[in-house]
Amino acid sequence: MNKNIVIRPETPGDIEAITNLTIAAFATLEVSNHTEQFVIEALLKLEC
């Protein structure tokens, strides 16, 4: 286990990386309609 991992709240500067990671994570999943990043975007808007 890597003890150097830091879990912190996301910041506005993280949004692009989160979007890109989400797209990559679901890119090859056959049951995905590849809209997961839009779900996350909508959830982030609810937080404000």
PDB file of N, CA and C in Angstrom:
ATOM      1  N   MET A   1       0.841  -1.180   0.000  1.00  0.00           N
ATOM      2  CA  MET A   1       0.000   0.000   0.000  1.00  0.00           C
ATOM      3  C   MET A   1       0.886   1.243   0.000  1.00  0.00           C
ATOM      4  N   ASN A   2       0.561   2.176  -0.864  1.00  0.00           N
ATOM      5  CA  ASN A   2       1.307   3.426  -0.959  1.00  0.00           C
ATOM      6  C   ASN A   2       0.827   4.385   0.124  1.00  0.00           C
ATOM      7  N   LYS A   3       1.683   4.707   1.059  1.00  0.00           N
ATOM      8  CA  LYS A   3       1.298   5.592   2.152  1.00  0.00           C
ATOM      9  C   LYS A   3       1.441   7.062   1.787  1.00  0.00           C
ATOM     10  N   ASN A   4       1.838   7.354   0.549  1.00  0.00           N
ATOM     11  CA  ASN A   4       2.000   8.732   0.103  1.00  0.00           C
ATOM     12  C   ASN A   4       0.771   9.269  -0.607  1.00  0.00           C
ATOM     13  N   ILE A   5      -0.283   8.484  -0.667  1.00  0.00           N
ATOM     14  CA  ILE A   5      -1.510   8.931  -1.326  1.00  0.00           C
ATOM     15  C   ILE A   5      -2.241   9.902  -0.410  1.00  0.00           C
ATOM     16  N   VAL A   6      -2.637  11.034  -0.968  1.00  0.00           N
ATOM     17  CA  VAL A   6      -3.373  12.036  -0.216  1.00  0.00           C
ATOM     18  C   VAL A   6      -4.757  12.167  -0.835  1.00  0.00           C
ATOM     19  N   ILE A   7      -5.774  11.994  -0.025  1.00  0.00           N
ATOM     20  CA  ILE A   7      -7.151  12.187  -0.482  1.00  0.00           C
ATOM     21  C   ILE A   7      -7.592  13.553   0.024  1.00  0.00           C
ATOM     22  N   ARG A   8      -8.043  14.385  -0.899  1.00  0.00           N
ATOM     23  CA  ARG A   8      -8.434  15.746  -0.554  1.00  0.00           C
ATOM     24  C   ARG A   8      -9.692  16.113  -1.315  1.00  0.00           C
ATOM     25  N   PRO A   9     -10.378  17.139  -0.890  1.00  0.00           N
ATOM     26  CA  PRO A   9     -11.544  17.602  -1.648  1.00  0.00           C
ATOM     27  C   PRO A   9     -11.111  18.070  -3.043  1.00  0.00           C
ATOM     28  N   GLU A  10     -11.982  17.863  -4.011  1.00  0.00           N
ATOM     29  CA  GLU A  10     -11.664  18.342  -5.359  1.00  0.00           C
ATOM     30  C   GLU A  10     -11.694  19.861  -5.393  1.00  0.00           C
ATOM     31  N   THR A  11     -10.992  20.402  -6.359  1.00  0.00           N
ATOM     32  CA  THR A  11     -10.974  21.846  -6.565  1.00  0.00           C
ATOM     33  C   THR A  11     -11.440  22.116  -7.990  1.00  0.00           C
ATOM     34  N   PRO A  12     -11.815  23.343  -8.304  1.00  0.00           N
ATOM     35  CA  PRO A  12     -12.215  23.654  -9.679  1.00  0.00           C
ATOM     36  C   PRO A  12     -11.136  23.286 -10.701  1.00  0.00           C
ATOM     37  N   GLY A  13      -9.893  23.331 -10.312  1.00  0.00           N
ATOM     38  CA  GLY A  13      -8.806  22.973 -11.214  1.00  0.00           C
ATOM     39  C   GLY A  13      -8.725  21.484 -11.517  1.00  0.00           C
ATOM     40  N   ASP A  14      -9.473  20.685 -10.779  1.00  0.00           N
ATOM     41  CA  ASP A  14      -9.474  19.237 -10.976  1.00  0.00           C
ATOM     42  C   ASP A  14     -10.510  18.771 -11.994  1.00  0.00           C
ATOM     43  N   ILE A  15     -11.451  19.612 -12.330  1.00  0.00           N
ATOM     44  CA  ILE A  15     -12.607  19.202 -13.128  1.00  0.00           C
ATOM     45  C   ILE A  15     -12.205  18.605 -14.478  1.00  0.00           C
ATOM     46  N   GLU A  16     -11.297  19.224 -15.177  1.00  0.00           N
ATOM     47  CA  GLU A  16     -10.886  18.701 -16.480  1.00  0.00           C
ATOM     48  C   GLU A  16     -10.264  17.307 -16.331  1.00  0.00           C
ATOM     49  N   ALA A  17      -9.435  17.117 -15.332  1.00  0.00           N
ATOM     50  CA  ALA A  17      -8.805  15.812 -15.111  1.00  0.00           C
ATOM     51  C   ALA A  17      -9.848  14.763 -14.731  1.00  0.00           C
ATOM     52  N   ILE A  18     -10.827  15.147 -13.928  1.00  0.00           N
ATOM     53  CA  ILE A  18     -11.899  14.218 -13.550  1.00  0.00           C
ATOM     54  C   ILE A  18     -12.695  13.817 -14.785  1.00  0.00           C
ATOM     55  N   THR A  19     -13.005  14.792 -15.634  1.00  0.00           N
ATOM     56  CA  THR A  19     -13.734  14.511 -16.872  1.00  0.00           C
ATOM     57  C   THR A  19     -12.948  13.556 -17.764  1.00  0.00           C
ATOM     58  N   ASN A  20     -11.673  13.847 -17.957  1.00  0.00           N
ATOM     59  CA  ASN A  20     -10.836  12.996 -18.813  1.00  0.00           C
ATOM     60  C   ASN A  20     -10.693  11.592 -18.249  1.00  0.00           C
ATOM     61  N   LEU A  21     -10.544  11.484 -16.935  1.00  0.00           N
ATOM     62  CA  LEU A  21     -10.432  10.167 -16.297  1.00  0.00           C
ATOM     63  C   LEU A  21     -11.727   9.380 -16.457  1.00  0.00           C
ATOM     64  N   THR A  22     -12.850  10.049 -16.282  1.00  0.00           N
ATOM     65  CA  THR A  22     -14.148   9.382 -16.436  1.00  0.00           C
ATOM     66  C   THR A  22     -14.350   8.890 -17.862  1.00  0.00           C
ATOM     67  N   ILE A  23     -14.026   9.714 -18.841  1.00  0.00           N
ATOM     68  CA  ILE A  23     -14.146   9.312 -20.245  1.00  0.00           C
ATOM     69  C   ILE A  23     -13.270   8.095 -20.510  1.00  0.00           C
ATOM     70  N   ALA A  24     -12.045   8.123 -20.038  1.00  0.00           N
ATOM     71  CA  ALA A  24     -11.118   7.001 -20.254  1.00  0.00           C
ATOM     72  C   ALA A  24     -11.589   5.736 -19.539  1.00  0.00           C
ATOM     73  N   ALA A  25     -12.133   5.894 -18.351  1.00  0.00           N
ATOM     74  CA  ALA A  25     -12.564   4.733 -17.567  1.00  0.00           C
ATOM     75  C   ALA A  25     -13.704   3.973 -18.237  1.00  0.00           C
ATOM     76  N   PHE A  26     -14.570   4.683 -18.931  1.00  0.00           N
ATOM     77  CA  PHE A  26     -15.733   4.048 -19.542  1.00  0.00           C
ATOM     78  C   PHE A  26     -15.595   3.853 -21.054  1.00  0.00           C
ATOM     79  N   ALA A  27     -14.488   4.243 -21.629  1.00  0.00           N
ATOM     80  CA  ALA A  27     -14.314   4.234 -23.084  1.00  0.00           C
ATOM     81  C   ALA A  27     -14.510   2.866 -23.722  1.00  0.00           C
ATOM     82  N   THR A  28     -14.068   1.817 -23.069  1.00  0.00           N
ATOM     83  CA  THR A  28     -14.153   0.483 -23.675  1.00  0.00           C
ATOM     84  C   THR A  28     -15.256  -0.378 -23.068  1.00  0.00           C
ATOM     85  N   LEU A  29     -16.058   0.186 -22.211  1.00  0.00           N
ATOM     86  CA  LEU A  29     -17.139  -0.563 -21.578  1.00  0.00           C
ATOM     87  C   LEU A  29     -18.314  -0.662 -22.542  1.00  0.00           C
ATOM     88  N   GLU A  30     -18.621  -1.865 -22.954  1.00  0.00           N
ATOM     89  CA  GLU A  30     -19.651  -2.068 -23.984  1.00  0.00           C
ATOM     90  C   GLU A  30     -21.040  -1.608 -23.554  1.00  0.00           C
ATOM     91  N   VAL A  31     -21.350  -1.670 -22.272  1.00  0.00           N
ATOM     92  CA  VAL A  31     -22.686  -1.276 -21.821  1.00  0.00           C
ATOM     93  C   VAL A  31     -22.805   0.218 -21.584  1.00  0.00           C
ATOM     94  N   SER A  32     -21.732   0.950 -21.764  1.00  0.00           N
ATOM     95  CA  SER A  32     -21.746   2.397 -21.556  1.00  0.00           C
ATOM     96  C   SER A  32     -22.269   3.106 -22.799  1.00  0.00           C
ATOM     97  N   ASN A  33     -23.039   4.154 -22.553  1.00  0.00           N
ATOM     98  CA  ASN A  33     -23.433   5.007 -23.677  1.00  0.00           C
ATOM     99  C   ASN A  33     -22.538   6.250 -23.727  1.00  0.00           C
ATOM    100  N   HIS A  34     -21.470   6.224 -22.927  1.00  0.00           N
ATOM    101  CA  HIS A  34     -20.413   7.243 -22.935  1.00  0.00           C
ATOM    102  C   HIS A  34     -20.920   8.636 -22.575  1.00  0.00           C
ATOM    103  N   THR A  35     -21.827   8.675 -21.609  1.00  0.00           N
ATOM    104  CA  THR A  35     -22.334   9.962 -21.114  1.00  0.00           C
ATOM    105  C   THR A  35     -22.045  10.151 -19.622  1.00  0.00           C
ATOM    106  N   GLU A  36     -21.240   9.283 -19.054  1.00  0.00           N
ATOM    107  CA  GLU A  36     -20.960   9.346 -17.619  1.00  0.00           C
ATOM    108  C   GLU A  36     -20.389  10.689 -17.192  1.00  0.00           C
ATOM    109  N   GLN A  37     -19.557  11.279 -18.032  1.00  0.00           N
ATOM    110  CA  GLN A  37     -18.971  12.576 -17.677  1.00  0.00           C
ATOM    111  C   GLN A  37     -20.039  13.647 -17.535  1.00  0.00           C
ATOM    112  N   PHE A  38     -21.136  13.507 -18.267  1.00  0.00           N
ATOM    113  CA  PHE A  38     -22.214  14.484 -18.163  1.00  0.00           C
ATOM    114  C   PHE A  38     -22.992  14.312 -16.861  1.00  0.00           C
ATOM    115  N   VAL A  39     -23.090  13.083 -16.389  1.00  0.00           N
ATOM    116  CA  VAL A  39     -23.718  12.824 -15.095  1.00  0.00           C
ATOM    117  C   VAL A  39     -22.898  13.482 -13.996  1.00  0.00           C
ATOM    118  N   ILE A  40     -21.584  13.308 -14.044  1.00  0.00           N
ATOM    119  CA  ILE A  40     -20.704  13.919 -13.049  1.00  0.00           C
ATOM    120  C   ILE A  40     -20.796  15.435 -13.122  1.00  0.00           C
ATOM    121  N   GLU A  41     -20.826  15.977 -14.325  1.00  0.00           N
ATOM    122  CA  GLU A  41     -20.953  17.429 -14.498  1.00  0.00           C
ATOM    123  C   GLU A  41     -22.236  17.939 -13.848  1.00  0.00           C
ATOM    124  N   ALA A  42     -23.334  17.224 -14.048  1.00  0.00           N
ATOM    125  CA  ALA A  42     -24.617  17.626 -13.459  1.00  0.00           C
ATOM    126  C   ALA A  42     -24.561  17.545 -11.930  1.00  0.00           C
ATOM    127  N   LEU A  43     -23.939  16.509 -11.398  1.00  0.00           N
ATOM    128  CA  LEU A  43     -23.813  16.380  -9.952  1.00  0.00           C
ATOM    129  C   LEU A  43     -22.961  17.495  -9.359  1.00  0.00           C
ATOM    130  N   LEU A  44     -21.907  17.882 -10.058  1.00  0.00           N
ATOM    131  CA  LEU A  44     -21.061  18.981  -9.579  1.00  0.00           C
ATOM    132  C   LEU A  44     -21.837  20.290  -9.534  1.00  0.00           C
ATOM    133  N   LYS A  45     -22.739  20.479 -10.468  1.00  0.00           N
ATOM    134  CA  LYS A  45     -23.545  21.705 -10.486  1.00  0.00           C
ATOM    135  C   LYS A  45     -24.519  21.750  -9.306  1.00  0.00           C
ATOM    136  N   LEU A  46     -24.942  20.582  -8.839  1.00  0.00           N
ATOM    137  CA  LEU A  46     -25.850  20.518  -7.690  1.00  0.00           C
ATOM    138  C   LEU A  46     -25.172  20.940  -6.397  1.00  0.00           C
ATOM    139  N   GLU A  47     -23.863  20.780  -6.327  1.00  0.00           N
ATOM    140  CA  GLU A  47     -23.111  21.109  -5.125  1.00  0.00           C
ATOM    141  C   GLU A  47     -23.039  22.604  -4.869  1.00  0.00           C
ATOM    142  N   CYS A  48     -23.200  23.402  -5.885  1.00  0.00           N
ATOM    143  CA  CYS A  48     -23.037  24.865  -5.743  1.00  0.00           C
ATOM    144  C   CYS A  48     -24.225  25.519  -5.089  1.00  0.00           C
TER     145      CYS A  48
END
